[in-house]
């Protein structure tokens, strides 16, 4: 575990200590759960825009959120494909959370 002091750029006041687990950072960087992620089932939309446009790796303990705009009827589920750490393919159908479904 590494501890770093954070100082203000305005007068050098010490705002406290920021504790960062370097091991956790390395674990997340070196061991993504899923890479090369693509979304399928959007082919029937007239047009769509996703953010982020390039889907990042799925890391353990971190949410992966994709949002966007579309025209047409959005499917109730999308197929997500990617590669596991051993480079084998992984495919899962994920239920879509639409705006009215989010609390």
PDB file of N, CA and C in Angstrom:
ATOM      1  N   UNK A   1       0.855  -1.164   0.000  1.00  0.00           N
ATOM      2  CA  UNK A   1       0.000   0.000   0.000  1.00  0.00           C
ATOM      3  C   UNK A   1       0.899   1.225   0.000  1.00  0.00           C
ATOM      4  N   UNK A   2       0.587   2.206  -0.841  1.00  0.00           N
ATOM      5  CA  UNK A   2       1.364   3.429  -0.930  1.00  0.00           C
ATOM      6  C   UNK A   2       0.521   4.585  -0.427  1.00  0.00           C
ATOM      7  N   UNK A   3       1.148   5.523   0.251  1.00  0.00           N
ATOM      8  CA  UNK A   3       0.455   6.696   0.764  1.00  0.00           C
ATOM      9  C   UNK A   3       1.127   7.932   0.209  1.00  0.00           C
ATOM     10  N   UNK A   4       0.324   8.848  -0.341  1.00  0.00           N
ATOM     11  CA  UNK A   4       0.850  10.062  -0.947  1.00  0.00           C
ATOM     12  C   UNK A   4       0.198  11.275  -0.308  1.00  0.00           C
ATOM     13  N   UNK A   5       0.999  12.290   0.127  1.00  0.00           N
ATOM     14  CA  UNK A   5       0.381  13.523   0.611  1.00  0.00           C
ATOM     15  C   UNK A   5      -0.130  14.338  -0.574  1.00  0.00           C
ATOM     16  N   UNK A   6      -1.269  14.973  -0.418  1.00  0.00           N
ATOM     17  CA  UNK A   6      -1.808  15.851  -1.447  1.00  0.00           C
ATOM     18  C   UNK A   6      -1.718  17.273  -0.912  1.00  0.00           C
ATOM     19  N   UNK A   7      -1.021  18.130  -1.630  1.00  0.00           N
ATOM     20  CA  UNK A   7      -0.862  19.513  -1.198  1.00  0.00           C
ATOM     21  C   UNK A   7      -1.569  20.437  -2.161  1.00  0.00           C
ATOM     22  N   UNK A   8      -2.095  21.512  -1.621  1.00  0.00           N
ATOM     23  CA  UNK A   8      -2.785  22.503  -2.430  1.00  0.00           C
ATOM     24  C   UNK A   8      -1.781  23.274  -3.271  1.00  0.00           C
ATOM     25  N   UNK A   9      -2.180  23.631  -4.473  1.00  0.00           N
ATOM     26  CA  UNK A   9      -1.348  24.487  -5.311  1.00  0.00           C
ATOM     27  C   UNK A   9      -1.472  25.935  -4.866  1.00  0.00           C
ATOM     28  N   UNK A  10      -2.351  26.198  -3.913  1.00  0.00           N
ATOM     29  CA  UNK A  10      -2.592  27.545  -3.419  1.00  0.00           C
ATOM     30  C   UNK A  10      -2.053  27.662  -2.000  1.00  0.00           C
ATOM     31  N   UNK A  11      -0.759  27.858  -1.852  1.00  0.00           N
ATOM     32  CA  UNK A  11      -0.176  28.080  -0.540  1.00  0.00           C
ATOM     33  C   UNK A  11       0.435  26.853   0.094  1.00  0.00           C
ATOM     34  N   UNK A  12       0.419  25.710  -0.548  1.00  0.00           N
ATOM     35  CA  UNK A  12       1.084  24.526  -0.038  1.00  0.00           C
ATOM     36  C   UNK A  12       0.425  23.891   1.167  1.00  0.00           C
ATOM     37  N   UNK A  13      -0.859  24.150   1.412  1.00  0.00           N
ATOM     38  CA  UNK A  13      -1.540  23.527   2.541  1.00  0.00           C
ATOM     39  C   UNK A  13      -1.658  22.028   2.326  1.00  0.00           C
ATOM     40  N   UNK A  14      -1.478  21.270   3.380  1.00  0.00           N
ATOM     41  CA  UNK A  14      -1.614  19.823   3.299  1.00  0.00           C
ATOM     42  C   UNK A  14      -3.074  19.463   3.554  1.00  0.00           C
ATOM     43  N   UNK A  15      -3.756  18.879   2.571  1.00  0.00           N
ATOM     44  CA  UNK A  15      -5.164  18.518   2.697  1.00  0.00           C
ATOM     45  C   UNK A  15      -5.356  17.108   3.241  1.00  0.00           C
ATOM     46  N   UNK A  16      -4.301  16.444   3.606  1.00  0.00           N
ATOM     47  CA  UNK A  16      -4.452  15.101   4.142  1.00  0.00           C
ATOM     48  C   UNK A  16      -3.694  14.093   3.310  1.00  0.00           C
ATOM     49  N   UNK A  17      -3.947  12.848   3.561  1.00  0.00           N
ATOM     50  CA  UNK A  17      -3.246  11.785   2.871  1.00  0.00           C
ATOM     51  C   UNK A  17      -4.189  11.037   1.959  1.00  0.00           C
ATOM     52  N   UNK A  18      -3.664  10.712   0.819  1.00  0.00           N
ATOM     53  CA  UNK A  18      -4.417   9.943  -0.158  1.00  0.00           C
ATOM     54  C   UNK A  18      -3.787   8.561  -0.194  1.00  0.00           C
ATOM     55  N   UNK A  19      -4.565   7.544   0.151  1.00  0.00           N
ATOM     56  CA  UNK A  19      -4.046   6.184   0.195  1.00  0.00           C
ATOM     57  C   UNK A  19      -4.486   5.443  -1.055  1.00  0.00           C
ATOM     58  N   UNK A  20      -3.534   4.837  -1.696  1.00  0.00           N
ATOM     59  CA  UNK A  20      -3.796   4.162  -2.954  1.00  0.00           C
ATOM     60  C   UNK A  20      -3.183   2.775  -2.907  1.00  0.00           C
ATOM     61  N   UNK A  21      -3.971   1.784  -3.238  1.00  0.00           N
ATOM     62  CA  UNK A  21      -3.472   0.424  -3.263  1.00  0.00           C
ATOM     63  C   UNK A  21      -2.843   0.160  -4.622  1.00  0.00           C
ATOM     64  N   UNK A  22      -1.538   0.154  -4.687  1.00  0.00           N
ATOM     65  CA  UNK A  22      -0.838  -0.088  -5.952  1.00  0.00           C
ATOM     66  C   UNK A  22      -1.129  -1.498  -6.460  1.00  0.00           C
ATOM     67  N   UNK A  23      -1.272  -2.439  -5.547  1.00  0.00           N
ATOM     68  CA  UNK A  23      -1.561  -3.808  -5.968  1.00  0.00           C
ATOM     69  C   UNK A  23      -2.889  -3.874  -6.707  1.00  0.00           C
ATOM     70  N   UNK A  24      -3.895  -3.138  -6.219  1.00  0.00           N
ATOM     71  CA  UNK A  24      -5.195  -3.129  -6.877  1.00  0.00           C
ATOM     72  C   UNK A  24      -5.083  -2.509  -8.267  1.00  0.00           C
ATOM     73  N   UNK A  25      -4.310  -1.447  -8.401  1.00  0.00           N
ATOM     74  CA  UNK A  25      -4.101  -0.842  -9.712  1.00  0.00           C
ATOM     75  C   UNK A  25      -3.443  -1.827 -10.669  1.00  0.00           C
ATOM     76  N   UNK A  26      -2.426  -2.518 -10.213  1.00  0.00           N
ATOM     77  CA  UNK A  26      -1.749  -3.493 -11.070  1.00  0.00           C
ATOM     78  C   UNK A  26      -2.671  -4.659 -11.425  1.00  0.00           C
ATOM     79  N   UNK A  27      -3.452  -5.134 -10.446  1.00  0.00           N
ATOM     80  CA  UNK A  27      -4.387  -6.234 -10.724  1.00  0.00           C
ATOM     81  C   UNK A  27      -5.374  -5.835 -11.814  1.00  0.00           C
ATOM     82  N   UNK A  28      -5.935  -4.639 -11.709  1.00  0.00           N
ATOM     83  CA  UNK A  28      -6.895  -4.185 -12.710  1.00  0.00           C
ATOM     84  C   UNK A  28      -6.248  -4.008 -14.074  1.00  0.00           C
ATOM     85  N   UNK A  29      -5.034  -3.499 -14.105  1.00  0.00           N
ATOM     86  CA  UNK A  29      -4.365  -3.256 -15.386  1.00  0.00           C
ATOM     87  C   UNK A  29      -3.914  -4.554 -16.045  1.00  0.00           C
ATOM     88  N   UNK A  30      -3.471  -5.507 -15.246  1.00  0.00           N
ATOM     89  CA  UNK A  30      -2.898  -6.725 -15.799  1.00  0.00           C
ATOM     90  C   UNK A  30      -3.912  -7.854 -15.990  1.00  0.00           C
ATOM     91  N   UNK A  31      -5.043  -7.780 -15.309  1.00  0.00           N
ATOM     92  CA  UNK A  31      -5.990  -8.888 -15.352  1.00  0.00           C
ATOM     93  C   UNK A  31      -7.401  -8.439 -15.722  1.00  0.00           C
ATOM     94  N   UNK A  32      -7.586  -7.862 -16.904  1.00  0.00           N
ATOM     95  CA  UNK A  32      -8.961  -7.527 -17.287  1.00  0.00           C
ATOM     96  C   UNK A  32      -9.779  -8.806 -17.439  1.00  0.00           C
ATOM     97  N   UNK A  33     -11.044  -8.736 -17.070  1.00  0.00           N
ATOM     98  CA  UNK A  33     -11.908  -9.911 -17.166  1.00  0.00           C
ATOM     99  C   UNK A  33     -12.349 -10.163 -18.600  1.00  0.00           C
ATOM    100  N   UNK A  34     -12.544  -9.088 -19.383  1.00  0.00           N
ATOM    101  CA  UNK A  34     -13.009  -9.224 -20.753  1.00  0.00           C
ATOM    102  C   UNK A  34     -12.398  -8.104 -21.594  1.00  0.00           C
ATOM    103  N   UNK A  35     -11.847  -8.467 -22.754  1.00  0.00           N
ATOM    104  CA  UNK A  35     -11.241  -7.488 -23.656  1.00  0.00           C
ATOM    105  C   UNK A  35     -11.903  -7.590 -25.033  1.00  0.00           C
ATOM    106  N   UNK A  36     -11.588  -6.658 -25.919  1.00  0.00           N
ATOM    107  CA  UNK A  36     -12.124  -6.645 -27.293  1.00  0.00           C
ATOM    108  C   UNK A  36     -13.645  -6.768 -27.274  1.00  0.00           C
ATOM    109  N   UNK A  37     -14.293  -5.959 -26.465  1.00  0.00           N
ATOM    110  CA  UNK A  37     -15.739  -6.052 -26.255  1.00  0.00           C
ATOM    111  C   UNK A  37     -16.498  -5.401 -27.412  1.00  0.00           C
ATOM    112  N   UNK A  38     -17.501  -6.110 -27.906  1.00  0.00           N
ATOM    113  CA  UNK A  38     -18.382  -5.574 -28.938  1.00  0.00           C
ATOM    114  C   UNK A  38     -19.831  -5.834 -28.545  1.00  0.00           C
ATOM    115  N   UNK A  39     -20.721  -4.937 -28.991  1.00  0.00           N
ATOM    116  CA  UNK A  39     -22.157  -5.076 -28.759  1.00  0.00           C
ATOM    117  C   UNK A  39     -22.824  -5.472 -30.057  1.00  0.00           C
ATOM    118  N   UNK A  40     -23.756  -6.404 -29.976  1.00  0.00           N
ATOM    119  CA  UNK A  40     -24.511  -6.848 -31.146  1.00  0.00           C
ATOM    120  C   UNK A  40     -26.001  -6.715 -30.839  1.00  0.00           C
ATOM    121  N   UNK A  41     -26.816  -6.730 -31.840  1.00  0.00           N
ATOM    122  CA  UNK A  41     -28.277  -6.589 -31.757  1.00  0.00           C
ATOM    123  C   UNK A  41     -28.696  -5.154 -32.014  1.00  0.00           C
ATOM    124  N   UNK A  42     -27.766  -4.309 -32.449  1.00  0.00           N
ATOM    125  CA  UNK A  42     -28.099  -2.927 -32.755  1.00  0.00           C
ATOM    126  C   UNK A  42     -28.292  -2.721 -34.253  1.00  0.00           C
ATOM    127  N   UNK A  43     -28.179  -3.803 -35.012  1.00  0.00           N
ATOM    128  CA  UNK A  43     -28.236  -3.719 -36.469  1.00  0.00           C
ATOM    129  C   UNK A  43     -29.583  -3.222 -36.983  1.00  0.00           C
ATOM    130  N   UNK A  44     -30.662  -3.432 -36.222  1.00  0.00           N
ATOM    131  CA  UNK A  44     -32.002  -3.056 -36.673  1.00  0.00           C
ATOM    132  C   UNK A  44     -32.329  -1.585 -36.423  1.00  0.00           C
ATOM    133  N   UNK A  45     -31.440  -0.862 -35.777  1.00  0.00           N
ATOM    134  CA  UNK A  45     -31.671   0.559 -35.533  1.00  0.00           C
ATOM    135  C   UNK A  45     -31.358   1.354 -36.791  1.00  0.00           C
ATOM    136  N   UNK A  46     -32.096   2.438 -37.014  1.00  0.00           N
ATOM    137  CA  UNK A  46     -31.844   3.285 -38.182  1.00  0.00           C
ATOM    138  C   UNK A  46     -30.469   3.939 -38.077  1.00  0.00           C
ATOM    139  N   UNK A  47     -30.131   4.388 -36.898  1.00  0.00           N
ATOM    140  CA  UNK A  47     -28.791   4.922 -36.640  1.00  0.00           C
ATOM    141  C   UNK A  47     -28.545   4.864 -35.137  1.00  0.00           C
ATOM    142  N   UNK A  48     -27.294   4.823 -34.758  1.00  0.00           N
ATOM    143  CA  UNK A  48     -26.965   4.829 -33.334  1.00  0.00           C
ATOM    144  C   UNK A  48     -25.575   5.402 -33.118  1.00  0.00           C
ATOM    145  N   UNK A  49     -25.387   5.912 -31.921  1.00  0.00           N
ATOM    146  CA  UNK A  49     -24.106   6.480 -31.508  1.00  0.00           C
ATOM    147  C   UNK A  49     -23.855   5.977 -30.093  1.00  0.00           C
ATOM    148  N   UNK A  50     -22.703   5.361 -29.867  1.00  0.00           N
ATOM    149  CA  UNK A  50     -22.379   4.822 -28.545  1.00  0.00           C
ATOM    150  C   UNK A  50     -21.287   5.649 -27.889  1.00  0.00           C
ATOM    151  N   UNK A  51     -21.360   5.736 -26.571  1.00  0.00           N
ATOM    152  CA  UNK A  51     -20.281   6.350 -25.802  1.00  0.00           C
ATOM    153  C   UNK A  51     -19.907   5.404 -24.674  1.00  0.00           C
ATOM    154  N   UNK A  52     -18.674   5.067 -24.523  1.00  0.00           N
ATOM    155  CA  UNK A  52     -17.552   5.425 -25.377  1.00  0.00           C
ATOM    156  C   UNK A  52     -17.617   4.668 -26.707  1.00  0.00           C
ATOM    157  N   UNK A  53     -17.095   5.272 -27.754  1.00  0.00           N
ATOM    158  CA  UNK A  53     -17.172   4.639 -29.077  1.00  0.00           C
ATOM    159  C   UNK A  53     -16.350   3.354 -29.111  1.00  0.00           C
ATOM    160  N   UNK A  54     -15.236   3.316 -28.428  1.00  0.00           N
ATOM    161  CA  UNK A  54     -14.435   2.091 -28.276  1.00  0.00           C
ATOM    162  C   UNK A  54     -14.653   1.612 -26.847  1.00  0.00           C
ATOM    163  N   UNK A  55     -15.299   0.478 -26.692  1.00  0.00           N
ATOM    164  CA  UNK A  55     -15.643  -0.011 -25.354  1.00  0.00           C
ATOM    165  C   UNK A  55     -14.375  -0.469 -24.633  1.00  0.00           C
ATOM    166  N   UNK A  56     -14.147   0.052 -23.414  1.00  0.00           N
ATOM    167  CA  UNK A  56     -12.931  -0.321 -22.673  1.00  0.00           C
ATOM    168  C   UNK A  56     -13.018  -1.743 -22.126  1.00  0.00           C
ATOM    169  N   UNK A  57     -11.904  -2.217 -21.573  1.00  0.00           N
ATOM    170  CA  UNK A  57     -11.863  -3.540 -20.956  1.00  0.00           C
ATOM    171  C   UNK A  57     -12.790  -3.583 -19.747  1.00  0.00           C
ATOM    172  N   UNK A  58     -13.339  -4.757 -19.466  1.00  0.00           N
ATOM    173  CA  UNK A  58     -14.120  -4.990 -18.259  1.00  0.00           C
ATOM    174  C   UNK A  58     -13.157  -5.427 -17.169  1.00  0.00           C
ATOM    175  N   UNK A  59     -13.088  -4.639 -16.089  1.00  0.00           N
ATOM    176  CA  UNK A  59     -12.188  -4.933 -14.983  1.00  0.00           C
ATOM    177  C   UNK A  59     -12.976  -5.448 -13.791  1.00  0.00           C
ATOM    178  N   UNK A  60     -12.362  -6.307 -13.018  1.00  0.00           N
ATOM    179  CA  UNK A  60     -13.007  -6.876 -11.840  1.00  0.00           C
ATOM    180  C   UNK A  60     -13.382  -5.780 -10.851  1.00  0.00           C
ATOM    181  N   UNK A  61     -14.632  -5.808 -10.400  1.00  0.00           N
ATOM    182  CA  UNK A  61     -15.075  -4.857  -9.397  1.00  0.00           C
ATOM    183  C   UNK A  61     -15.369  -3.464  -9.927  1.00  0.00           C
ATOM    184  N   UNK A  62     -15.329  -3.271 -11.235  1.00  0.00           N
ATOM    185  CA  UNK A  62     -15.584  -1.961 -11.844  1.00  0.00           C
ATOM    186  C   UNK A  62     -16.769  -2.073 -12.797  1.00  0.00           C
ATOM    187  N   UNK A  63     -17.703  -1.134 -12.726  1.00  0.00           N
ATOM    188  CA  UNK A  63     -18.816  -1.187 -13.673  1.00  0.00           C
ATOM    189  C   UNK A  63     -18.361  -0.795 -15.071  1.00  0.00           C
ATOM    190  N   UNK A  64     -19.027  -1.310 -16.062  1.00  0.00           N
ATOM    191  CA  UNK A  64     -18.779  -0.926 -17.454  1.00  0.00           C
ATOM    192  C   UNK A  64     -20.099  -0.375 -17.979  1.00  0.00           C
ATOM    193  N   UNK A  65     -20.136   0.921 -18.207  1.00  0.00           N
ATOM    194  CA  UNK A  65     -21.366   1.589 -18.621  1.00  0.00           C
ATOM    195  C   UNK A  65     -21.209   2.079 -20.048  1.00  0.00           C
ATOM    196  N   UNK A  66     -22.198   1.749 -20.873  1.00  0.00           N
ATOM    197  CA  UNK A  66     -22.235   2.203 -22.256  1.00  0.00           C
ATOM    198  C   UNK A  66     -23.553   2.951 -22.425  1.00  0.00           C
ATOM    199  N   UNK A  67     -23.476   4.136 -22.995  1.00  0.00           N
ATOM    200  CA  UNK A  67     -24.690   4.905 -23.236  1.00  0.00           C
ATOM    201  C   UNK A  67     -24.685   5.386 -24.672  1.00  0.00           C
ATOM    202  N   UNK A  68     -25.779   5.970 -25.100  1.00  0.00           N
ATOM    203  CA  UNK A  68     -25.801   6.447 -26.468  1.00  0.00           C
ATOM    204  C   UNK A  68     -27.139   6.987 -26.894  1.00  0.00           C
ATOM    205  N   UNK A  69     -27.218   7.296 -28.197  1.00  0.00           N
ATOM    206  CA  UNK A  69     -28.432   7.788 -28.823  1.00  0.00           C
ATOM    207  C   UNK A  69     -28.767   6.858 -29.975  1.00  0.00           C
ATOM    208  N   UNK A  70     -30.056   6.769 -30.276  1.00  0.00           N
ATOM    209  CA  UNK A  70     -30.456   5.877 -31.373  1.00  0.00           C
ATOM    210  C   UNK A  70     -31.766   6.339 -31.978  1.00  0.00           C
ATOM    211  N   UNK A  71     -32.035   5.843 -33.167  1.00  0.00           N
ATOM    212  CA  UNK A  71     -33.319   6.017 -33.816  1.00  0.00           C
ATOM    213  C   UNK A  71     -33.848   4.622 -34.135  1.00  0.00           C
ATOM    214  N   UNK A  72     -35.120   4.413 -33.852  1.00  0.00           N
ATOM    215  CA  UNK A  72     -35.708   3.100 -34.070  1.00  0.00           C
ATOM    216  C   UNK A  72     -36.132   2.490 -32.746  1.00  0.00           C
ATOM    217  N   UNK A  73     -36.492   1.231 -32.772  1.00  0.00           N
ATOM    218  CA  UNK A  73     -36.909   0.516 -31.568  1.00  0.00           C
ATOM    219  C   UNK A  73     -35.721  -0.237 -31.006  1.00  0.00           C
ATOM    220  N   UNK A  74     -35.339   0.135 -29.794  1.00  0.00           N
ATOM    221  CA  UNK A  74     -34.175  -0.494 -29.182  1.00  0.00           C
ATOM    222  C   UNK A  74     -34.543  -1.888 -28.684  1.00  0.00           C
ATOM    223  N   UNK A  75     -33.658  -2.870 -28.878  1.00  0.00           N
ATOM    224  CA  UNK A  75     -33.962  -4.237 -28.421  1.00  0.00           C
ATOM    225  C   UNK A  75     -33.997  -4.319 -26.893  1.00  0.00           C
ATOM    226  N   UNK A  76     -34.669  -5.340 -26.378  1.00  0.00           N
ATOM    227  CA  UNK A  76     -34.741  -5.553 -24.931  1.00  0.00           C
ATOM    228  C   UNK A  76     -33.468  -6.163 -24.373  1.00  0.00           C
ATOM    229  N   UNK A  77     -32.657  -6.742 -25.256  1.00  0.00           N
ATOM    230  CA  UNK A  77     -31.389  -7.347 -24.836  1.00  0.00           C
ATOM    231  C   UNK A  77     -30.367  -7.155 -25.952  1.00  0.00           C
ATOM    232  N   UNK A  78     -29.099  -7.093 -25.560  1.00  0.00           N
ATOM    233  CA  UNK A  78     -28.016  -7.027 -26.536  1.00  0.00           C
ATOM    234  C   UNK A  78     -27.049  -8.164 -26.262  1.00  0.00           C
ATOM    235  N   UNK A  79     -26.402  -8.609 -27.297  1.00  0.00           N
ATOM    236  CA  UNK A  79     -25.401  -9.670 -27.180  1.00  0.00           C
ATOM    237  C   UNK A  79     -24.039  -8.994 -27.036  1.00  0.00           C
ATOM    238  N   UNK A  80     -23.320  -9.376 -26.002  1.00  0.00           N
ATOM    239  CA  UNK A  80     -21.983  -8.835 -25.753  1.00  0.00           C
ATOM    240  C   UNK A  80     -20.976  -9.949 -26.013  1.00  0.00           C
ATOM    241  N   UNK A  81     -19.993  -9.616 -26.826  1.00  0.00           N
ATOM    242  CA  UNK A  81     -18.922 -10.575 -27.132  1.00  0.00           C
ATOM    243  C   UNK A  81     -17.587  -9.980 -26.726  1.00  0.00           C
ATOM    244  N   UNK A  82     -16.688 -10.850 -26.305  1.00  0.00           N
ATOM    245  CA  UNK A  82     -15.357 -10.406 -25.930  1.00  0.00           C
ATOM    246  C   UNK A  82     -14.433 -11.585 -25.752  1.00  0.00           C
ATOM    247  N   UNK A  83     -13.220 -11.280 -25.328  1.00  0.00           N
ATOM    248  CA  UNK A  83     -12.213 -12.319 -25.098  1.00  0.00           C
ATOM    249  C   UNK A  83     -11.852 -12.369 -23.620  1.00  0.00           C
ATOM    250  N   UNK A  84     -11.816 -13.579 -23.080  1.00  0.00           N
ATOM    251  CA  UNK A  84     -11.389 -13.799 -21.704  1.00  0.00           C
ATOM    252  C   UNK A  84      -9.861 -13.749 -21.621  1.00  0.00           C
ATOM    253  N   UNK A  85      -9.328 -13.800 -20.416  1.00  0.00           N
ATOM    254  CA  UNK A  85      -7.878 -13.718 -20.215  1.00  0.00           C
ATOM    255  C   UNK A  85      -7.126 -14.822 -20.958  1.00  0.00           C
ATOM    256  N   UNK A  86      -7.736 -15.998 -21.099  1.00  0.00           N
ATOM    257  CA  UNK A  86      -7.069 -17.100 -21.810  1.00  0.00           C
ATOM    258  C   UNK A  86      -7.272 -17.015 -23.329  1.00  0.00           C
ATOM    259  N   UNK A  87      -7.842 -15.879 -23.803  1.00  0.00           N
ATOM    260  CA  UNK A  87      -8.094 -15.569 -25.215  1.00  0.00           C
ATOM    261  C   UNK A  87      -9.242 -16.386 -25.814  1.00  0.00           C
ATOM    262  N   UNK A  88     -10.024 -17.067 -24.973  1.00  0.00           N
ATOM    263  CA  UNK A  88     -11.199 -17.771 -25.474  1.00  0.00           C
ATOM    264  C   UNK A  88     -12.352 -16.775 -25.602  1.00  0.00           C
ATOM    265  N   UNK A  89     -13.284 -17.072 -26.499  1.00  0.00           N
ATOM    266  CA  UNK A  89     -14.423 -16.194 -26.740  1.00  0.00           C
ATOM    267  C   UNK A  89     -15.452 -16.333 -25.631  1.00  0.00           C
ATOM    268  N   UNK A  90     -16.114 -15.219 -25.341  1.00  0.00           N
ATOM    269  CA  UNK A  90     -17.175 -15.203 -24.339  1.00  0.00           C
ATOM    270  C   UNK A  90     -18.342 -14.405 -24.921  1.00  0.00           C
ATOM    271  N   UNK A  91     -19.548 -14.951 -24.832  1.00  0.00           N
ATOM    272  CA  UNK A  91     -20.746 -14.299 -25.347  1.00  0.00           C
ATOM    273  C   UNK A  91     -21.825 -14.367 -24.275  1.00  0.00           C
ATOM    274  N   UNK A  92     -22.517 -13.244 -24.057  1.00  0.00           N
ATOM    275  CA  UNK A  92     -23.606 -13.213 -23.080  1.00  0.00           C
ATOM    276  C   UNK A  92     -24.691 -12.269 -23.586  1.00  0.00           C
ATOM    277  N   UNK A  93     -25.955 -12.623 -23.324  1.00  0.00           N
ATOM    278  CA  UNK A  93     -27.077 -11.734 -23.612  1.00  0.00           C
ATOM    279  C   UNK A  93     -27.364 -10.922 -22.356  1.00  0.00           C
ATOM    280  N   UNK A  94     -27.426  -9.600 -22.516  1.00  0.00           N
ATOM    281  CA  UNK A  94     -27.627  -8.708 -21.370  1.00  0.00           C
ATOM    282  C   UNK A  94     -28.923  -7.930 -21.568  1.00  0.00           C
ATOM    283  N   UNK A  95     -29.762  -7.920 -20.536  1.00  0.00           N
ATOM    284  CA  UNK A  95     -31.004  -7.166 -20.579  1.00  0.00           C
ATOM    285  C   UNK A  95     -30.658  -5.674 -20.549  1.00  0.00           C
ATOM    286  N   UNK A  96     -31.332  -4.908 -21.379  1.00  0.00           N
ATOM    287  CA  UNK A  96     -31.103  -3.469 -21.491  1.00  0.00           C
ATOM    288  C   UNK A  96     -31.884  -2.752 -20.407  1.00  0.00           C
ATOM    289  N   UNK A  97     -31.241  -1.785 -19.749  1.00  0.00           N
ATOM    290  CA  UNK A  97     -31.917  -0.919 -18.775  1.00  0.00           C
ATOM    291  C   UNK A  97     -32.256   0.376 -19.486  1.00  0.00           C
ATOM    292  N   UNK A  98     -33.519   0.598 -19.718  1.00  0.00           N
ATOM    293  CA  UNK A  98     -33.963   1.812 -20.408  1.00  0.00           C
ATOM    294  C   UNK A  98     -34.209   2.919 -19.397  1.00  0.00           C
ATOM    295  N   UNK A  99     -34.319   4.124 -19.890  1.00  0.00           N
ATOM    296  CA  UNK A  99     -34.432   5.314 -19.039  1.00  0.00           C
ATOM    297  C   UNK A  99     -35.507   5.163 -17.956  1.00  0.00           C
ATOM    298  N   UNK A 100     -36.667   4.674 -18.292  1.00  0.00           N
ATOM    299  CA  UNK A 100     -37.751   4.525 -17.316  1.00  0.00           C
ATOM    300  C   UNK A 100     -37.500   3.433 -16.287  1.00  0.00           C
ATOM    301  N   UNK A 101     -36.539   2.516 -16.567  1.00  0.00           N
ATOM    302  CA  UNK A 101     -36.249   1.395 -15.663  1.00  0.00           C
ATOM    303  C   UNK A 101     -35.279   1.767 -14.558  1.00  0.00           C
ATOM    304  N   UNK A 102     -34.560   2.878 -14.714  1.00  0.00           N
ATOM    305  CA  UNK A 102     -33.513   3.255 -13.765  1.00  0.00           C
ATOM    306  C   UNK A 102     -34.130   4.025 -12.615  1.00  0.00           C
ATOM    307  N   UNK A 103     -33.833   3.582 -11.381  1.00  0.00           N
ATOM    308  CA  UNK A 103     -34.353   4.256 -10.186  1.00  0.00           C
ATOM    309  C   UNK A 103     -33.390   5.284  -9.698  1.00  0.00           C
TER     310      UNK A 103
END
